Amino acid sequence: MSEEIDKHVLRKYHVCQKLGKGAYGIVWKAIERKTNQVVALKKIFDAFQNSTDAQRTFREVMFLQELNDHENIINSLCINSSNLSNTCTLLNCYTGISNPAICF
């Protein structure tokens, strides 16, 4: 469960600050280098380590995609996975609320 950010993510985003950490992952505020859009990056630890974790990760991604236009759910912009670190990074709109964990 490393808090280190994957290099392919750092090439695209400038990470500004850590917003929170939970049992399944960590959330950072970041800026996309090309567009200067402020985003929230969520790294899910051990997203595919076993079938239970993979199913939980898949379920979260599917819910975010299905509810993308709901007024109370933040928009999911992009999903990246890393075979090397067994993690999944979700890219979402940054809302600036004080507890971003409730958005994911």
C-alpha atoms as a PDB file:
ATOM      1  CA  MET A   1       0.000   0.000   0.000  1.00  0.00           C
ATOM      2  CA  SER A   2       2.451   2.592  -1.202  1.00  0.00           C
ATOM      3  CA  GLU A   3       1.541   6.261  -1.250  1.00  0.00           C
ATOM      4  CA  GLU A   4       3.983   6.712  -4.123  1.00  0.00           C
ATOM      5  CA  ILE A   5       2.394   8.044  -7.297  1.00  0.00           C
ATOM      6  CA  ASP A   6       3.044   6.073 -10.502  1.00  0.00           C
ATOM      7  CA  LYS A   7       5.424   7.773 -12.943  1.00  0.00           C
ATOM      8  CA  HIS A   8       2.953   7.621 -15.839  1.00  0.00           C
ATOM      9  CA  VAL A   9       0.505   9.624 -13.699  1.00  0.00           C
ATOM     10  CA  LEU A  10       3.162  12.197 -12.721  1.00  0.00           C
ATOM     11  CA  ARG A  11       3.962  12.803 -16.394  1.00  0.00           C
ATOM     12  CA  LYS A  12       0.376  13.964 -16.973  1.00  0.00           C
ATOM     13  CA  TYR A  13      -0.437  15.639 -13.646  1.00  0.00           C
ATOM     14  CA  HIS A  14       1.226  17.980 -11.176  1.00  0.00           C
ATOM     15  CA  VAL A  15       0.227  16.723  -7.724  1.00  0.00           C
ATOM     16  CA  CYS A  16      -0.551  19.629  -5.373  1.00  0.00           C
ATOM     17  CA  GLN A  17      -1.555  18.036  -2.105  1.00  0.00           C
ATOM     18  CA  LYS A  18      -2.804  14.909  -0.403  1.00  0.00           C
ATOM     19  CA  LEU A  19      -6.500  15.252   0.406  1.00  0.00           C
ATOM     20  CA  GLY A  20      -7.161  12.051   2.290  1.00  0.00           C
ATOM     21  CA  LYS A  21      -6.400   8.394   2.834  1.00  0.00           C
ATOM     22  CA  GLY A  22      -8.617   5.447   3.641  1.00  0.00           C
ATOM     23  CA  ALA A  23      -8.472   1.681   3.877  1.00  0.00           C
ATOM     24  CA  TYR A  24      -8.672   1.204   0.107  1.00  0.00           C
ATOM     25  CA  GLY A  25      -6.805   4.166  -1.277  1.00  0.00           C
ATOM     26  CA  ILE A  26      -5.527   7.714  -1.212  1.00  0.00           C
ATOM     27  CA  VAL A  27      -6.788  10.921  -2.862  1.00  0.00           C
ATOM     28  CA  TRP A  28      -4.681  13.816  -4.160  1.00  0.00           C
ATOM     29  CA  LYS A  29      -5.530  17.209  -5.621  1.00  0.00           C
ATOM     30  CA  ALA A  30      -3.674  17.587  -8.922  1.00  0.00           C
ATOM     31  CA  ILE A  31      -3.480  19.761 -12.025  1.00  0.00           C
ATOM     32  CA  GLU A  32      -3.486  18.305 -15.522  1.00  0.00           C
ATOM     33  CA  ARG A  33      -0.326  19.590 -17.193  1.00  0.00           C
ATOM     34  CA  LYS A  34      -1.844  20.143 -20.672  1.00  0.00           C
ATOM     35  CA  THR A  35      -5.108  21.865 -19.735  1.00  0.00           C
ATOM     36  CA  ASN A  36      -4.434  23.208 -16.208  1.00  0.00           C
ATOM     37  CA  GLN A  37      -7.686  21.540 -15.095  1.00  0.00           C
ATOM     38  CA  VAL A  38      -7.817  20.862 -11.349  1.00  0.00           C
ATOM     39  CA  VAL A  39      -8.671  17.209 -10.726  1.00  0.00           C
ATOM     40  CA  ALA A  40      -8.857  14.661  -7.933  1.00  0.00           C
ATOM     41  CA  LEU A  41      -6.718  11.543  -8.323  1.00  0.00           C
ATOM     42  CA  LYS A  42      -7.666   8.448  -6.345  1.00  0.00           C
ATOM     43  CA  LYS A  43      -5.160   5.612  -6.168  1.00  0.00           C
ATOM     44  CA  ILE A  44      -6.811   2.337  -5.174  1.00  0.00           C
ATOM     45  CA  PHE A  45      -4.345   0.084  -3.339  1.00  0.00           C
ATOM     46  CA  ASP A  46      -4.041  -3.543  -4.466  1.00  0.00           C
ATOM     47  CA  ALA A  47      -6.946  -3.057  -6.851  1.00  0.00           C
ATOM     48  CA  PHE A  48      -6.443  -6.431  -8.532  1.00  0.00           C
ATOM     49  CA  GLN A  49      -4.600  -8.468  -5.894  1.00  0.00           C
ATOM     50  CA  ASN A  50      -7.390 -11.030  -5.610  1.00  0.00           C
ATOM     51  CA  SER A  51     -10.883 -11.581  -6.963  1.00  0.00           C
ATOM     52  CA  THR A  52     -12.572  -9.758  -4.070  1.00  0.00           C
ATOM     53  CA  ASP A  53     -10.451  -6.622  -4.521  1.00  0.00           C
ATOM     54  CA  ALA A  54     -10.844  -6.742  -8.296  1.00  0.00           C
ATOM     55  CA  GLN A  55     -14.621  -7.054  -7.945  1.00  0.00           C
ATOM     56  CA  ARG A  56     -14.743  -4.119  -5.483  1.00  0.00           C
ATOM     57  CA  THR A  57     -12.660  -1.959  -7.844  1.00  0.00           C
ATOM     58  CA  PHE A  58     -14.768  -2.950 -10.849  1.00  0.00           C
ATOM     59  CA  ARG A  59     -17.973  -2.195  -8.937  1.00  0.00           C
ATOM     60  CA  GLU A  60     -16.756   1.281  -7.936  1.00  0.00           C
ATOM     61  CA  VAL A  61     -15.756   2.109 -11.512  1.00  0.00           C
ATOM     62  CA  MET A  62     -19.069   0.853 -12.901  1.00  0.00           C
ATOM     63  CA  PHE A  63     -21.085   2.872 -10.358  1.00  0.00           C
ATOM     64  CA  LEU A  64     -19.108   6.031 -11.154  1.00  0.00           C
ATOM     65  CA  GLN A  65     -19.649   5.559 -14.881  1.00  0.00           C
ATOM     66  CA  GLU A  66     -23.349   4.760 -14.496  1.00  0.00           C
ATOM     67  CA  LEU A  67     -24.012   7.737 -12.203  1.00  0.00           C
ATOM     68  CA  ASN A  68     -21.759  10.171 -14.072  1.00  0.00           C
ATOM     69  CA  ASP A  69     -24.587  12.618 -14.834  1.00  0.00           C
ATOM     70  CA  HIS A  70     -26.183  12.541 -11.373  1.00  0.00           C
ATOM     71  CA  GLU A  71     -26.240  15.933  -9.638  1.00  0.00           C
ATOM     72  CA  ASN A  72     -24.855  14.505  -6.358  1.00  0.00           C
ATOM     73  CA  ILE A  73     -22.046  12.418  -7.866  1.00  0.00           C
ATOM     74  CA  ILE A  74     -18.811  13.904  -9.183  1.00  0.00           C
ATOM     75  CA  ASN A  75     -17.873  13.221 -12.780  1.00  0.00           C
ATOM     76  CA  SER A  76     -15.412  10.462 -13.500  1.00  0.00           C
ATOM     77  CA  LEU A  77     -12.977  11.634 -16.177  1.00  0.00           C
ATOM     78  CA  CYS A  78     -10.497   8.818 -16.700  1.00  0.00           C
ATOM     79  CA  ILE A  79      -9.380   5.467 -15.307  1.00  0.00           C
ATOM     80  CA  ASN A  80      -5.793   4.179 -15.413  1.00  0.00           C
ATOM     81  CA  SER A  81      -4.462   0.881 -14.157  1.00  0.00           C
ATOM     82  CA  SER A  82      -0.898  -0.215 -13.555  1.00  0.00           C
ATOM     83  CA  ASN A  83       0.149  -3.820 -14.002  1.00  0.00           C
ATOM     84  CA  LEU A  84       3.453  -3.125 -12.271  1.00  0.00           C
ATOM     85  CA  SER A  85       2.083  -1.733  -9.015  1.00  0.00           C
ATOM     86  CA  ASN A  86      -1.263  -3.590  -9.001  1.00  0.00           C
ATOM     87  CA  THR A  87      -3.106  -0.290  -8.556  1.00  0.00           C
ATOM     88  CA  CYS A  88      -5.888   1.610 -10.251  1.00  0.00           C
ATOM     89  CA  THR A  89      -5.989   5.410 -10.480  1.00  0.00           C
ATOM     90  CA  LEU A  90      -9.325   7.169 -10.904  1.00  0.00           C
ATOM     91  CA  LEU A  91      -9.372  10.711 -12.234  1.00  0.00           C
ATOM     92  CA  ASN A  92     -12.363  12.764 -11.142  1.00  0.00           C
ATOM     93  CA  CYS A  93     -13.472  16.374 -11.160  1.00  0.00           C
ATOM     94  CA  TYR A  94     -12.159  18.255  -8.152  1.00  0.00           C
ATOM     95  CA  THR A  95     -14.987  19.796  -6.148  1.00  0.00           C
ATOM     96  CA  GLY A  96     -13.003  21.520  -3.407  1.00  0.00           C
ATOM     97  CA  ILE A  97     -15.167  20.069  -0.645  1.00  0.00           C
ATOM     98  CA  SER A  98     -13.543  19.389   2.698  1.00  0.00           C
ATOM     99  CA  ASN A  99     -14.100  15.614   2.688  1.00  0.00           C
ATOM    100  CA  PRO A 100     -13.444  14.281  -0.824  1.00  0.00           C
ATOM    101  CA  ALA A 101     -13.779  10.669   0.341  1.00  0.00           C
ATOM    102  CA  ILE A 102     -17.566  10.959   0.224  1.00  0.00           C
ATOM    103  CA  CYS A 103     -17.400  11.635  -3.509  1.00  0.00           C
ATOM    104  CA  PHE A 104     -15.643   8.418  -4.463  1.00  0.00           C
END
